[in-house]
């Protein structure tokens, strides 16, 4: 896998990213996450942005959440789901996405309170990269985001964040877009996810 070091005008401690993940950030002109902060995208395709500076309390909370996943890959995926819910609750009251709806897009007519799937893909990938950087992922690494969409069978375009299981290289989506505020994101294999509507 090709890795790019993001060093030009980037904040210190930027992680090395694959070209697929790097594109998530360069396409909307934001910095990738660091161990200390991440840009939170909302308002559809990152038109609205807020910086989440991780506090020691944030790191302690996420460390506790991920500790529950140390026994197996499946447990770690469940812990990652809870970490995404933590993120949703942490940022929702600040940016107004505590009013967000499941599967929001331009038809929701409320971009200032919602994420589209591009926003959730960026945000979830960023959070997972931070967890990985902190050494909290034992059984997975953060993979390239995945896309699906086939208008011939009425499948709408959609993309998502991905975890790759180290032992067998199975790719698992971590997809918060189909769920409402503070609900557990979908976690399933990419193979299953590409068949969903």
N, C-alpha and C. Protein backbone atom coordinates (compact mmCIF):
# COMPACT_ATOMS: atom_id res chain seq x y z
N UNK A 1 0.84 -1.17 0.00
CA UNK A 1 0.00 0.00 0.00
C UNK A 1 0.89 1.24 0.00
N UNK A 2 0.55 2.20 -0.81
CA UNK A 2 1.31 3.43 -0.90
C UNK A 2 0.96 4.34 0.26
N UNK A 3 1.99 4.86 0.95
CA UNK A 3 1.75 5.80 2.04
C UNK A 3 2.38 7.13 1.71
N UNK A 4 1.70 8.20 2.06
CA UNK A 4 2.19 9.54 1.83
C UNK A 4 2.39 10.22 3.17
N UNK A 5 3.52 10.87 3.35
CA UNK A 5 3.72 11.65 4.57
C UNK A 5 3.20 13.05 4.31
N UNK A 6 2.27 13.48 5.12
CA UNK A 6 1.70 14.82 4.97
C UNK A 6 2.50 15.77 5.84
N UNK A 7 3.38 16.52 5.22
CA UNK A 7 4.25 17.38 5.99
C UNK A 7 4.18 18.85 5.58
N UNK A 8 3.75 19.17 4.40
CA UNK A 8 3.75 20.54 3.93
C UNK A 8 2.66 21.33 4.66
N UNK A 9 3.06 22.28 5.46
CA UNK A 9 2.15 23.14 6.21
C UNK A 9 1.16 22.38 7.09
N UNK A 10 1.43 21.14 7.38
CA UNK A 10 0.53 20.37 8.23
C UNK A 10 0.93 20.54 9.68
N UNK A 11 -0.04 20.41 10.59
CA UNK A 11 0.30 20.49 12.01
C UNK A 11 1.28 19.39 12.38
N UNK A 12 2.02 19.61 13.42
CA UNK A 12 2.97 18.59 13.85
C UNK A 12 2.23 17.34 14.29
N UNK A 13 2.90 16.23 14.22
CA UNK A 13 2.38 14.93 14.63
C UNK A 13 1.34 14.36 13.69
N UNK A 14 1.26 14.84 12.45
CA UNK A 14 0.33 14.27 11.48
C UNK A 14 0.72 12.82 11.21
N UNK A 15 -0.28 11.96 11.07
CA UNK A 15 -0.02 10.56 10.83
C UNK A 15 0.23 10.32 9.34
N UNK A 16 0.87 9.20 9.02
CA UNK A 16 1.06 8.83 7.62
C UNK A 16 -0.23 8.21 7.11
N UNK A 17 -0.61 8.60 5.91
CA UNK A 17 -1.89 8.19 5.37
C UNK A 17 -1.73 7.54 4.00
N UNK A 18 -2.60 6.59 3.72
CA UNK A 18 -2.67 6.04 2.37
C UNK A 18 -3.23 7.11 1.45
N UNK A 19 -3.05 6.95 0.17
CA UNK A 19 -3.59 7.93 -0.78
C UNK A 19 -5.11 7.99 -0.71
N UNK A 20 -5.77 6.86 -0.47
CA UNK A 20 -7.23 6.85 -0.36
C UNK A 20 -7.75 7.65 0.81
N UNK A 21 -7.07 7.53 1.95
CA UNK A 21 -7.47 8.31 3.13
C UNK A 21 -7.07 9.76 2.95
N UNK A 22 -5.88 10.00 2.42
CA UNK A 22 -5.41 11.37 2.21
C UNK A 22 -6.40 12.17 1.37
N UNK A 23 -6.99 11.53 0.38
CA UNK A 23 -7.95 12.20 -0.50
C UNK A 23 -9.15 12.73 0.27
N UNK A 24 -9.54 12.06 1.36
CA UNK A 24 -10.65 12.56 2.17
C UNK A 24 -10.41 13.98 2.65
N UNK A 25 -9.14 14.28 2.95
CA UNK A 25 -8.79 15.59 3.53
C UNK A 25 -8.41 16.60 2.45
N UNK A 26 -7.62 16.16 1.48
CA UNK A 26 -7.19 17.11 0.45
C UNK A 26 -8.37 17.57 -0.41
N UNK A 27 -9.37 16.73 -0.59
CA UNK A 27 -10.50 17.08 -1.45
C UNK A 27 -11.33 18.24 -0.88
N UNK A 28 -11.23 18.48 0.43
CA UNK A 28 -11.97 19.60 1.04
C UNK A 28 -11.02 20.57 1.75
N UNK A 29 -9.73 20.44 1.47
CA UNK A 29 -8.71 21.36 1.98
C UNK A 29 -8.70 21.47 3.50
N UNK A 30 -8.67 20.32 4.16
CA UNK A 30 -8.50 20.31 5.61
C UNK A 30 -7.29 19.44 5.96
N UNK A 31 -6.76 19.67 7.14
CA UNK A 31 -5.67 18.85 7.63
C UNK A 31 -6.19 17.51 8.13
N UNK A 32 -5.39 16.46 7.99
CA UNK A 32 -5.77 15.18 8.59
C UNK A 32 -5.67 15.30 10.11
N UNK A 33 -6.21 14.34 10.84
CA UNK A 33 -6.16 14.42 12.30
C UNK A 33 -4.75 14.21 12.82
N UNK A 34 -4.53 14.68 14.03
CA UNK A 34 -3.29 14.41 14.77
C UNK A 34 -3.70 13.75 16.08
N UNK A 35 -2.75 13.41 16.89
CA UNK A 35 -3.04 12.83 18.21
C UNK A 35 -3.74 13.83 19.12
N UNK A 36 -3.71 15.11 18.74
CA UNK A 36 -4.26 16.15 19.60
C UNK A 36 -5.59 16.74 19.12
N UNK A 37 -5.85 16.66 17.82
CA UNK A 37 -7.07 17.30 17.33
C UNK A 37 -7.50 16.71 15.98
N UNK A 38 -8.75 17.02 15.62
CA UNK A 38 -9.27 16.64 14.31
C UNK A 38 -10.29 17.68 13.87
N UNK A 39 -10.41 17.84 12.57
CA UNK A 39 -11.45 18.70 12.02
C UNK A 39 -12.72 17.88 11.91
N UNK A 40 -13.81 18.41 12.45
CA UNK A 40 -15.12 17.77 12.35
C UNK A 40 -15.87 18.44 11.21
N UNK A 41 -16.28 17.64 10.25
CA UNK A 41 -17.01 18.14 9.08
C UNK A 41 -18.50 17.94 9.28
N UNK A 42 -19.28 18.94 8.86
CA UNK A 42 -20.73 18.80 8.82
C UNK A 42 -21.26 19.79 7.80
N UNK A 43 -22.57 19.82 7.62
CA UNK A 43 -23.15 20.74 6.65
C UNK A 43 -23.05 20.28 5.21
N UNK A 44 -22.74 19.00 5.00
CA UNK A 44 -22.67 18.37 3.68
C UNK A 44 -21.38 18.72 2.95
N UNK A 45 -20.57 17.73 2.75
CA UNK A 45 -19.27 17.79 2.09
C UNK A 45 -18.36 18.82 2.78
N UNK A 46 -18.43 18.83 4.09
CA UNK A 46 -17.52 19.62 4.93
C UNK A 46 -17.64 21.13 4.69
N UNK A 47 -18.82 21.59 4.34
CA UNK A 47 -19.00 23.04 4.16
C UNK A 47 -18.95 23.78 5.49
N UNK A 48 -19.24 23.07 6.57
CA UNK A 48 -19.11 23.63 7.92
C UNK A 48 -18.08 22.80 8.66
N UNK A 49 -17.31 23.46 9.53
CA UNK A 49 -16.20 22.77 10.19
C UNK A 49 -16.02 23.27 11.61
N UNK A 50 -15.58 22.36 12.45
CA UNK A 50 -15.25 22.69 13.84
C UNK A 50 -14.03 21.85 14.23
N UNK A 51 -13.15 22.41 15.01
CA UNK A 51 -11.98 21.66 15.47
C UNK A 51 -12.32 21.01 16.81
N UNK A 52 -12.06 19.72 16.91
CA UNK A 52 -12.16 19.00 18.17
C UNK A 52 -10.74 18.85 18.72
N UNK A 53 -10.43 19.62 19.76
CA UNK A 53 -9.15 19.47 20.46
C UNK A 53 -9.38 18.48 21.58
N UNK A 54 -8.69 17.34 21.51
CA UNK A 54 -8.90 16.29 22.49
C UNK A 54 -8.32 16.70 23.84
N UNK A 55 -9.15 16.64 24.87
CA UNK A 55 -8.70 16.93 26.23
C UNK A 55 -8.22 15.63 26.87
N UNK A 56 -7.60 15.75 28.04
CA UNK A 56 -7.19 14.53 28.76
C UNK A 56 -8.42 13.72 29.15
N UNK A 57 -9.54 14.39 29.43
CA UNK A 57 -10.77 13.66 29.76
C UNK A 57 -11.30 12.91 28.54
N UNK A 58 -11.20 13.52 27.36
CA UNK A 58 -11.61 12.84 26.12
C UNK A 58 -10.79 11.57 25.92
N UNK A 59 -9.47 11.72 26.07
CA UNK A 59 -8.60 10.56 25.86
C UNK A 59 -8.89 9.47 26.88
N UNK A 60 -9.14 9.86 28.11
CA UNK A 60 -9.45 8.87 29.15
C UNK A 60 -10.76 8.16 28.83
N UNK A 61 -11.77 8.91 28.38
CA UNK A 61 -13.06 8.30 28.05
C UNK A 61 -12.92 7.32 26.89
N UNK A 62 -12.22 7.71 25.85
CA UNK A 62 -12.03 6.82 24.70
C UNK A 62 -11.17 5.62 25.05
N UNK A 63 -10.19 5.81 25.91
CA UNK A 63 -9.36 4.68 26.36
C UNK A 63 -10.21 3.67 27.11
N UNK A 64 -11.11 4.15 27.97
CA UNK A 64 -12.02 3.24 28.71
C UNK A 64 -12.93 2.51 27.74
N UNK A 65 -13.48 3.23 26.77
CA UNK A 65 -14.38 2.60 25.80
C UNK A 65 -13.66 1.50 25.03
N UNK A 66 -12.45 1.79 24.55
CA UNK A 66 -11.72 0.81 23.73
C UNK A 66 -11.17 -0.33 24.57
N UNK A 67 -10.98 -0.12 25.87
CA UNK A 67 -10.49 -1.20 26.74
C UNK A 67 -11.46 -2.38 26.75
N UNK A 68 -12.73 -2.11 26.55
CA UNK A 68 -13.73 -3.17 26.50
C UNK A 68 -13.56 -4.05 25.27
N UNK A 69 -12.77 -3.61 24.31
CA UNK A 69 -12.58 -4.37 23.09
C UNK A 69 -11.28 -5.13 23.01
N UNK A 70 -10.56 -5.25 24.10
CA UNK A 70 -9.23 -5.87 24.07
C UNK A 70 -9.27 -7.39 23.98
N UNK A 71 -10.43 -8.02 24.09
CA UNK A 71 -10.49 -9.48 24.14
C UNK A 71 -10.57 -10.15 22.78
N UNK A 72 -11.10 -9.45 21.77
CA UNK A 72 -11.25 -10.07 20.45
C UNK A 72 -11.50 -8.98 19.40
N UNK A 73 -11.38 -9.37 18.15
CA UNK A 73 -11.65 -8.43 17.05
C UNK A 73 -13.11 -7.99 17.07
N UNK A 74 -14.02 -8.93 17.34
CA UNK A 74 -15.44 -8.58 17.38
C UNK A 74 -15.72 -7.60 18.51
N UNK A 75 -15.09 -7.82 19.67
CA UNK A 75 -15.26 -6.90 20.80
C UNK A 75 -14.69 -5.53 20.47
N UNK A 76 -13.59 -5.50 19.73
CA UNK A 76 -13.00 -4.21 19.36
C UNK A 76 -13.92 -3.45 18.39
N UNK A 77 -14.57 -4.16 17.50
CA UNK A 77 -15.52 -3.49 16.60
C UNK A 77 -16.70 -2.91 17.38
N UNK A 78 -17.18 -3.64 18.38
CA UNK A 78 -18.26 -3.12 19.23
C UNK A 78 -17.78 -1.88 19.99
N UNK A 79 -16.54 -1.92 20.47
CA UNK A 79 -15.99 -0.76 21.17
C UNK A 79 -15.85 0.43 20.22
N UNK A 80 -15.46 0.17 18.98
CA UNK A 80 -15.36 1.24 17.98
C UNK A 80 -16.73 1.86 17.74
N UNK A 81 -17.77 1.06 17.72
CA UNK A 81 -19.13 1.60 17.59
C UNK A 81 -19.42 2.57 18.73
N UNK A 82 -19.09 2.15 19.96
CA UNK A 82 -19.35 3.01 21.12
C UNK A 82 -18.50 4.27 21.08
N UNK A 83 -17.29 4.18 20.51
CA UNK A 83 -16.44 5.37 20.37
C UNK A 83 -17.08 6.37 19.41
N UNK A 84 -17.72 5.88 18.35
CA UNK A 84 -18.40 6.76 17.41
C UNK A 84 -19.60 7.43 18.09
N UNK A 85 -20.32 6.69 18.91
CA UNK A 85 -21.43 7.29 19.68
C UNK A 85 -20.88 8.36 20.62
N UNK A 86 -19.74 8.07 21.28
CA UNK A 86 -19.09 9.07 22.14
C UNK A 86 -18.83 10.34 21.33
N UNK A 87 -18.25 10.20 20.15
CA UNK A 87 -17.97 11.34 19.27
C UNK A 87 -19.24 12.12 18.97
N UNK A 88 -20.30 11.43 18.60
CA UNK A 88 -21.57 12.06 18.26
C UNK A 88 -22.09 12.88 19.44
N UNK A 89 -22.05 12.30 20.63
CA UNK A 89 -22.51 13.00 21.83
C UNK A 89 -21.58 14.15 22.22
N UNK A 90 -20.30 13.97 21.99
CA UNK A 90 -19.33 15.01 22.34
C UNK A 90 -19.51 16.24 21.46
N UNK A 91 -19.70 16.04 20.17
CA UNK A 91 -19.75 17.16 19.23
C UNK A 91 -21.17 17.65 18.93
N UNK A 92 -22.17 16.80 19.05
CA UNK A 92 -23.55 17.18 18.70
C UNK A 92 -24.03 18.48 19.32
N UNK A 93 -23.93 18.63 20.64
CA UNK A 93 -24.40 19.88 21.27
C UNK A 93 -23.58 21.10 20.85
N UNK A 94 -22.34 20.91 20.46
CA UNK A 94 -21.47 22.02 20.09
C UNK A 94 -21.80 22.53 18.69
N UNK A 95 -21.98 21.63 17.75
CA UNK A 95 -22.19 22.03 16.36
C UNK A 95 -23.65 21.92 15.89
N UNK A 96 -24.52 21.41 16.75
CA UNK A 96 -25.93 21.33 16.41
C UNK A 96 -26.36 20.03 15.76
N UNK A 97 -25.43 19.09 15.63
CA UNK A 97 -25.79 17.82 14.98
C UNK A 97 -26.51 16.87 15.95
N UNK A 98 -26.77 17.31 17.17
CA UNK A 98 -27.62 16.52 18.06
C UNK A 98 -29.07 16.53 17.56
N UNK A 99 -29.33 17.32 16.52
CA UNK A 99 -30.65 17.34 15.86
C UNK A 99 -30.63 16.57 14.55
N UNK A 100 -29.52 15.93 14.25
CA UNK A 100 -29.36 15.30 12.95
C UNK A 100 -30.29 14.09 12.78
N UNK A 101 -30.52 13.76 11.52
CA UNK A 101 -31.38 12.63 11.18
C UNK A 101 -30.56 11.58 10.43
N UNK A 102 -31.07 10.37 10.41
CA UNK A 102 -30.42 9.29 9.67
C UNK A 102 -30.50 9.56 8.18
N UNK A 103 -29.47 9.18 7.45
CA UNK A 103 -29.42 9.24 5.99
C UNK A 103 -29.67 10.65 5.44
N UNK A 104 -29.15 11.65 6.14
CA UNK A 104 -29.38 13.03 5.69
C UNK A 104 -28.64 13.31 4.38
N UNK A 105 -29.30 14.04 3.53
CA UNK A 105 -28.69 14.58 2.31
C UNK A 105 -29.38 15.91 2.02
N UNK A 106 -29.16 16.47 0.86
CA UNK A 106 -29.71 17.79 0.54
C UNK A 106 -31.23 17.83 0.68
N UNK A 107 -31.89 16.68 0.55
CA UNK A 107 -33.35 16.65 0.66
C UNK A 107 -33.83 16.91 2.08
N UNK A 108 -32.93 16.73 3.07
CA UNK A 108 -33.30 17.00 4.47
C UNK A 108 -33.55 18.49 4.68
N UNK A 109 -32.93 19.34 3.84
CA UNK A 109 -33.17 20.77 3.92
C UNK A 109 -32.63 21.41 5.19
N UNK A 110 -31.71 20.74 5.87
CA UNK A 110 -31.20 21.26 7.14
C UNK A 110 -29.72 20.94 7.24
N UNK A 111 -28.94 21.50 6.33
CA UNK A 111 -27.53 21.16 6.30
C UNK A 111 -26.78 21.57 7.56
N UNK A 112 -27.21 22.65 8.23
CA UNK A 112 -26.45 23.10 9.39
C UNK A 112 -26.57 22.17 10.60
N UNK A 113 -27.50 21.22 10.57
CA UNK A 113 -27.64 20.27 11.68
C UNK A 113 -27.35 18.83 11.28
N UNK A 114 -26.80 18.62 10.09
CA UNK A 114 -26.67 17.25 9.61
C UNK A 114 -25.30 16.95 9.01
N UNK A 115 -25.03 15.66 8.91
CA UNK A 115 -23.88 15.11 8.20
C UNK A 115 -24.39 14.43 6.95
N UNK A 116 -23.72 14.58 5.82
CA UNK A 116 -23.97 13.67 4.71
C UNK A 116 -22.97 12.52 4.87
N UNK A 117 -23.00 11.56 3.96
CA UNK A 117 -22.12 10.40 4.12
C UNK A 117 -20.65 10.76 3.93
N UNK A 118 -20.37 11.85 3.19
CA UNK A 118 -18.97 12.29 3.07
C UNK A 118 -18.47 12.81 4.42
N UNK A 119 -19.33 13.56 5.12
CA UNK A 119 -18.95 14.07 6.44
C UNK A 119 -18.73 12.92 7.42
N UNK A 120 -19.67 11.97 7.45
CA UNK A 120 -19.51 10.87 8.41
C UNK A 120 -18.31 10.00 8.07
N UNK A 121 -18.01 9.84 6.79
CA UNK A 121 -16.83 9.07 6.40
C UNK A 121 -15.56 9.77 6.90
N UNK A 122 -15.47 11.08 6.67
CA UNK A 122 -14.29 11.83 7.15
C UNK A 122 -14.19 11.79 8.66
N UNK A 123 -15.29 12.07 9.34
CA UNK A 123 -15.26 12.15 10.80
C UNK A 123 -14.93 10.81 11.44
N UNK A 124 -15.57 9.76 10.95
CA UNK A 124 -15.31 8.43 11.52
C UNK A 124 -13.89 7.99 11.22
N UNK A 125 -13.43 8.19 10.00
CA UNK A 125 -12.06 7.84 9.66
C UNK A 125 -11.09 8.62 10.54
N UNK A 126 -11.33 9.90 10.73
CA UNK A 126 -10.45 10.71 11.59
C UNK A 126 -10.42 10.17 13.01
N UNK A 127 -11.59 9.89 13.56
CA UNK A 127 -11.64 9.36 14.92
C UNK A 127 -10.89 8.03 15.01
N UNK A 128 -11.10 7.14 14.05
CA UNK A 128 -10.41 5.85 14.06
C UNK A 128 -8.90 6.03 13.92
N UNK A 129 -8.46 6.99 13.12
CA UNK A 129 -7.02 7.26 12.99
C UNK A 129 -6.43 7.74 14.31
N UNK A 130 -7.18 8.56 15.03
CA UNK A 130 -6.72 9.03 16.34
C UNK A 130 -6.61 7.84 17.31
N UNK A 131 -7.63 7.00 17.33
CA UNK A 131 -7.59 5.82 18.20
C UNK A 131 -6.40 4.93 17.85
N UNK A 132 -6.15 4.77 16.56
CA UNK A 132 -5.01 3.98 16.11
C UNK A 132 -3.70 4.62 16.55
N UNK A 133 -3.60 5.94 16.39
CA UNK A 133 -2.40 6.67 16.78
C UNK A 133 -2.15 6.56 18.28
N UNK A 134 -3.19 6.54 19.07
CA UNK A 134 -3.07 6.39 20.52
C UNK A 134 -2.77 4.96 20.95
N UNK A 135 -2.73 4.03 20.01
CA UNK A 135 -2.44 2.63 20.34
C UNK A 135 -3.62 1.88 20.93
N UNK A 136 -4.84 2.36 20.66
CA UNK A 136 -6.03 1.74 21.24
C UNK A 136 -6.65 0.65 20.37
N UNK A 137 -6.19 0.53 19.13
CA UNK A 137 -6.68 -0.54 18.26
C UNK A 137 -5.69 -1.69 18.26
N UNK A 138 -6.12 -2.83 18.72
CA UNK A 138 -5.25 -4.02 18.81
C UNK A 138 -5.46 -4.96 17.63
N UNK A 139 -6.68 -5.11 17.17
CA UNK A 139 -7.03 -6.12 16.18
C UNK A 139 -7.28 -5.56 14.78
N UNK A 140 -7.29 -4.24 14.64
CA UNK A 140 -7.63 -3.61 13.36
C UNK A 140 -6.68 -2.46 13.05
N UNK A 141 -6.64 -2.11 11.76
CA UNK A 141 -6.03 -0.87 11.30
C UNK A 141 -7.10 -0.11 10.52
N UNK A 142 -6.86 1.17 10.33
CA UNK A 142 -7.82 1.97 9.57
C UNK A 142 -7.55 1.77 8.08
N UNK A 143 -8.60 1.41 7.36
CA UNK A 143 -8.48 1.14 5.92
C UNK A 143 -8.98 2.30 5.08
N UNK A 144 -8.82 2.16 3.79
CA UNK A 144 -9.34 3.15 2.85
C UNK A 144 -10.86 3.15 2.88
N UNK A 145 -11.48 4.33 2.75
CA UNK A 145 -12.94 4.37 2.71
C UNK A 145 -13.46 3.60 1.49
N UNK A 146 -14.69 3.13 1.59
CA UNK A 146 -15.31 2.40 0.49
C UNK A 146 -16.54 3.13 -0.02
N UNK A 147 -16.84 2.90 -1.30
CA UNK A 147 -17.95 3.53 -2.01
C UNK A 147 -18.85 2.44 -2.58
N UNK A 148 -20.13 2.73 -2.59
CA UNK A 148 -21.08 1.87 -3.30
C UNK A 148 -22.08 2.75 -4.02
N UNK A 149 -22.75 2.19 -4.98
CA UNK A 149 -23.78 2.92 -5.69
C UNK A 149 -24.00 2.35 -7.07
N UNK A 150 -25.21 1.90 -7.32
CA UNK A 150 -25.56 1.36 -8.63
C UNK A 150 -26.98 1.80 -8.95
N UNK A 151 -27.10 2.85 -9.73
CA UNK A 151 -28.42 3.39 -10.05
C UNK A 151 -29.28 2.42 -10.86
N UNK A 152 -28.63 1.46 -11.53
CA UNK A 152 -29.40 0.49 -12.32
C UNK A 152 -30.27 -0.40 -11.44
N UNK A 153 -29.84 -0.61 -10.20
CA UNK A 153 -30.64 -1.41 -9.27
C UNK A 153 -31.19 -0.54 -8.14
N UNK A 154 -31.25 0.77 -8.38
CA UNK A 154 -31.79 1.75 -7.44
C UNK A 154 -31.01 1.82 -6.12
N UNK A 155 -29.72 1.53 -6.19
CA UNK A 155 -28.87 1.67 -5.02
C UNK A 155 -28.25 3.07 -5.05
N UNK A 156 -28.54 3.86 -4.03
CA UNK A 156 -28.04 5.23 -4.00
C UNK A 156 -26.55 5.26 -3.68
N UNK A 157 -25.83 6.27 -4.20
CA UNK A 157 -24.41 6.41 -3.91
C UNK A 157 -24.17 6.64 -2.42
N UNK A 158 -23.12 6.03 -1.91
CA UNK A 158 -22.83 6.13 -0.47
C UNK A 158 -21.38 5.72 -0.24
N UNK A 159 -20.75 6.27 0.78
CA UNK A 159 -19.40 5.85 1.15
C UNK A 159 -19.28 5.78 2.66
N UNK A 160 -18.22 5.13 3.14
CA UNK A 160 -18.09 4.87 4.57
C UNK A 160 -16.63 4.67 4.99
N UNK A 161 -16.41 4.80 6.28
CA UNK A 161 -15.11 4.50 6.89
C UNK A 161 -14.95 2.99 7.03
N UNK A 162 -13.69 2.54 7.12
CA UNK A 162 -13.40 1.10 7.12
C UNK A 162 -12.31 0.77 8.14
N UNK A 163 -12.51 -0.33 8.84
CA UNK A 163 -11.47 -0.97 9.65
C UNK A 163 -11.06 -2.27 8.97
N UNK A 164 -9.77 -2.58 8.98
CA UNK A 164 -9.28 -3.82 8.39
C UNK A 164 -8.79 -4.71 9.53
N UNK A 165 -9.36 -5.91 9.61
CA UNK A 165 -8.96 -6.86 10.65
C UNK A 165 -7.56 -7.38 10.33
N UNK A 166 -6.66 -7.26 11.28
CA UNK A 166 -5.26 -7.62 11.05
C UNK A 166 -5.07 -9.10 10.75
N UNK A 167 -5.80 -9.97 11.43
CA UNK A 167 -5.56 -11.41 11.33
C UNK A 167 -5.92 -11.97 9.97
N UNK A 168 -6.97 -11.44 9.35
CA UNK A 168 -7.45 -12.05 8.10
C UNK A 168 -7.67 -11.04 6.97
N UNK A 169 -7.41 -9.77 7.23
CA UNK A 169 -7.54 -8.68 6.25
C UNK A 169 -8.98 -8.44 5.79
N UNK A 170 -9.95 -8.94 6.56
CA UNK A 170 -11.35 -8.66 6.25
C UNK A 170 -11.61 -7.19 6.54
N UNK A 171 -12.31 -6.53 5.61
CA UNK A 171 -12.64 -5.12 5.77
C UNK A 171 -14.05 -4.98 6.36
N UNK A 172 -14.14 -4.12 7.38
CA UNK A 172 -15.39 -3.89 8.09
C UNK A 172 -15.76 -2.41 8.00
N UNK A 173 -16.98 -2.11 7.60
CA UNK A 173 -17.42 -0.72 7.58
C UNK A 173 -17.79 -0.29 8.99
N UNK A 174 -17.59 0.99 9.26
CA UNK A 174 -18.08 1.64 10.47
C UNK A 174 -18.84 2.86 9.95
N UNK A 175 -20.15 2.73 9.84
CA UNK A 175 -20.98 3.64 9.06
C UNK A 175 -22.05 4.28 9.94
N UNK A 176 -21.84 5.54 10.33
CA UNK A 176 -22.81 6.23 11.18
C UNK A 176 -23.91 6.94 10.39
N UNK A 177 -23.72 7.15 9.10
CA UNK A 177 -24.68 7.92 8.31
C UNK A 177 -26.10 7.32 8.31
N UNK A 178 -26.27 5.99 8.24
CA UNK A 178 -27.63 5.45 8.21
C UNK A 178 -28.37 5.52 9.56
N UNK A 179 -27.70 5.99 10.61
CA UNK A 179 -28.29 6.01 11.95
C UNK A 179 -28.47 7.45 12.42
N UNK A 180 -29.45 7.65 13.30
CA UNK A 180 -29.70 8.97 13.87
C UNK A 180 -28.71 9.30 14.97
N UNK A 181 -28.89 10.46 15.56
CA UNK A 181 -27.99 10.97 16.59
C UNK A 181 -27.82 9.97 17.74
N UNK A 182 -26.56 9.72 18.08
CA UNK A 182 -26.15 8.90 19.22
C UNK A 182 -26.58 7.44 19.12
N UNK A 183 -26.94 6.98 17.93
CA UNK A 183 -27.23 5.56 17.73
C UNK A 183 -25.96 4.85 17.28
N UNK A 184 -25.86 3.57 17.58
CA UNK A 184 -24.70 2.79 17.17
C UNK A 184 -24.59 2.76 15.65
N UNK A 185 -23.41 3.02 15.12
CA UNK A 185 -23.24 2.95 13.66
C UNK A 185 -23.32 1.51 13.17
N UNK A 186 -23.61 1.36 11.90
CA UNK A 186 -23.59 0.04 11.28
C UNK A 186 -22.15 -0.47 11.26
N UNK A 187 -21.97 -1.73 11.61
CA UNK A 187 -20.69 -2.41 11.45
C UNK A 187 -20.99 -3.75 10.79
N UNK A 188 -20.42 -3.92 9.61
CA UNK A 188 -20.60 -5.16 8.86
C UNK A 188 -19.44 -5.27 7.88
N UNK A 189 -19.29 -6.42 7.28
CA UNK A 189 -18.22 -6.56 6.30
C UNK A 189 -18.51 -5.69 5.09
N UNK A 190 -17.46 -5.23 4.43
CA UNK A 190 -17.63 -4.47 3.19
C UNK A 190 -18.40 -5.31 2.18
N UNK A 191 -18.10 -6.59 2.14
CA UNK A 191 -18.78 -7.50 1.21
C UNK A 191 -20.30 -7.45 1.39
N UNK A 192 -20.76 -7.41 2.64
CA UNK A 192 -22.19 -7.30 2.90
C UNK A 192 -22.68 -5.88 2.62
N UNK A 193 -21.91 -4.88 3.04
CA UNK A 193 -22.31 -3.48 2.92
C UNK A 193 -22.56 -3.04 1.47
N UNK A 194 -21.75 -3.53 0.54
CA UNK A 194 -21.92 -3.10 -0.85
C UNK A 194 -23.24 -3.60 -1.45
N UNK A 195 -23.88 -4.56 -0.80
CA UNK A 195 -25.18 -5.08 -1.27
C UNK A 195 -26.36 -4.38 -0.63
N UNK A 196 -26.11 -3.57 0.40
CA UNK A 196 -27.19 -2.88 1.11
C UNK A 196 -27.75 -1.74 0.24
N UNK A 197 -28.94 -1.27 0.62
CA UNK A 197 -29.53 -0.12 -0.10
C UNK A 197 -29.12 1.16 0.60
